[in-house]
Amino acid sequence: LTYIHFIEKFLSQLCPNSKITAINSGRGTTGSLTTGPCLENLLGPKIDILLIEFSLNDYAQYTVSDVFHSSPFELLVRNGLKLFQHAPSVFSIYFWGRYFVKESGQEYHNIISEHYKITGISIRDVIFEALGSKSEMYESRESVLSDKMHHPNAVVHEHLADLISYNIANEFMDWYNTENAPLYQNRNFMLPFGDLPLALFPEVELFDLSLNSFKCGITGTPRQGGPPLLFENDGWKTFPVGKTTPSRNDSIECIQATTLDASAVISVVTAQGYIFISSCTKGGERNDPPTFDLNLLEYNGQKEEIKKPLQLNKVIPDVGEMYMVYPPLNPGKYKIEITPTEICPKFVNKAPSSDCRFGFY
């Protein structure tokens, strides 16, 4: 069990008359850049408590030339505070870094957490302090991890759940002891949304989340929403995570080209003109150009289809995970064609190192 399921059990005991459901939409080795805009697709429209943990993956994937980019995490936080049917309680959870080193994204992410007044809980600091003091509970690396990399064992998951549950219980009791608490007993109500402060990163401020929201189609599991809808699809195929054959070894579920002339059409509606597409490559692993091209489909006066190539810019410099159409389009509804790029011909459906394994999702 992961810590979220221990918390689910605690909340079910705390609120026996309520139905408590835990949704674990964690996607292995994935950072916050694609997750942030796609929270509703991953979790559904109604969340009461939102737990976010990207201190390990973000630090590994968004550190470029010794500079760590934490703007994706800020976008995730802003979206989480405004996206759902009512304002959730948000916890930012901090783990250690890759291969169990203390250095992680915690210090950078905690600046964002404090800016938005959300609760930060560091299991990293608890564990490393215990290791330093040679505690009986955590006396060695082996007493913390479930493997030789950096994944915590069940004892750590339960310990983290206890820390979060203790915080929730304290907040609940503080509220219960106020004079207004009896007014809300046996009633359903939704917390109002607060105003977002100015973003710490100017590029995040571009997206007006007070009036608009991101709409995503994302492949893979777990998720609550649907995958990308492909029309007139010829040659694009979804390969499941863990698919291993003599010619493939896929670490993430992904829509990939199976022929050199693959083509599909997606329909996009945009209120601010921003359109994003994520590559199946992980941030920090590759700095290659995208393995897909986008063409805007329009019609002239003779109803002939015209293809206008769209320029794709990396959302984070030197990180090939997500691309944005640039310049932004005018608000409206568009038909866009997706085709493989010119770097694909000798790689389509070949070895695990091939560029064309990295399609979109």
Foldseek 3Di string as FASTA:
>chain_A
DFLQVLLQVLVCVVCVPDRGDGQDFDDPLAALQVVQQCVCFAPNQDDAEAEDEHFASQQQFQQDPNDGDCVSVLSSVVCQQQRHPFGHQYEYEYAAYKQDDNDTNVVVNVVSCVLQVHHYDYLHVVQVVCCVVCHPQRVDPVSFAPDRIGHGDPVSRNVVSVVVSVVVVVVVVVLCPDPCNVVCPPHDDGHHRDDRDQGPDVVSNLDPSNPDGRDAAPDDDDTDHHHFDWAPWDFWDWDCAQDDDQFAGHHHTATFGQDQWTKTKGKDFDDAQKDKWFKSDGRRPAQDEAQKWKWWWDADPVRDTDTHTWDWDDPRPSTRTMTITPPGDHGGMTMMMMGTDPQQPVFRSGHHVGNRVTHTD
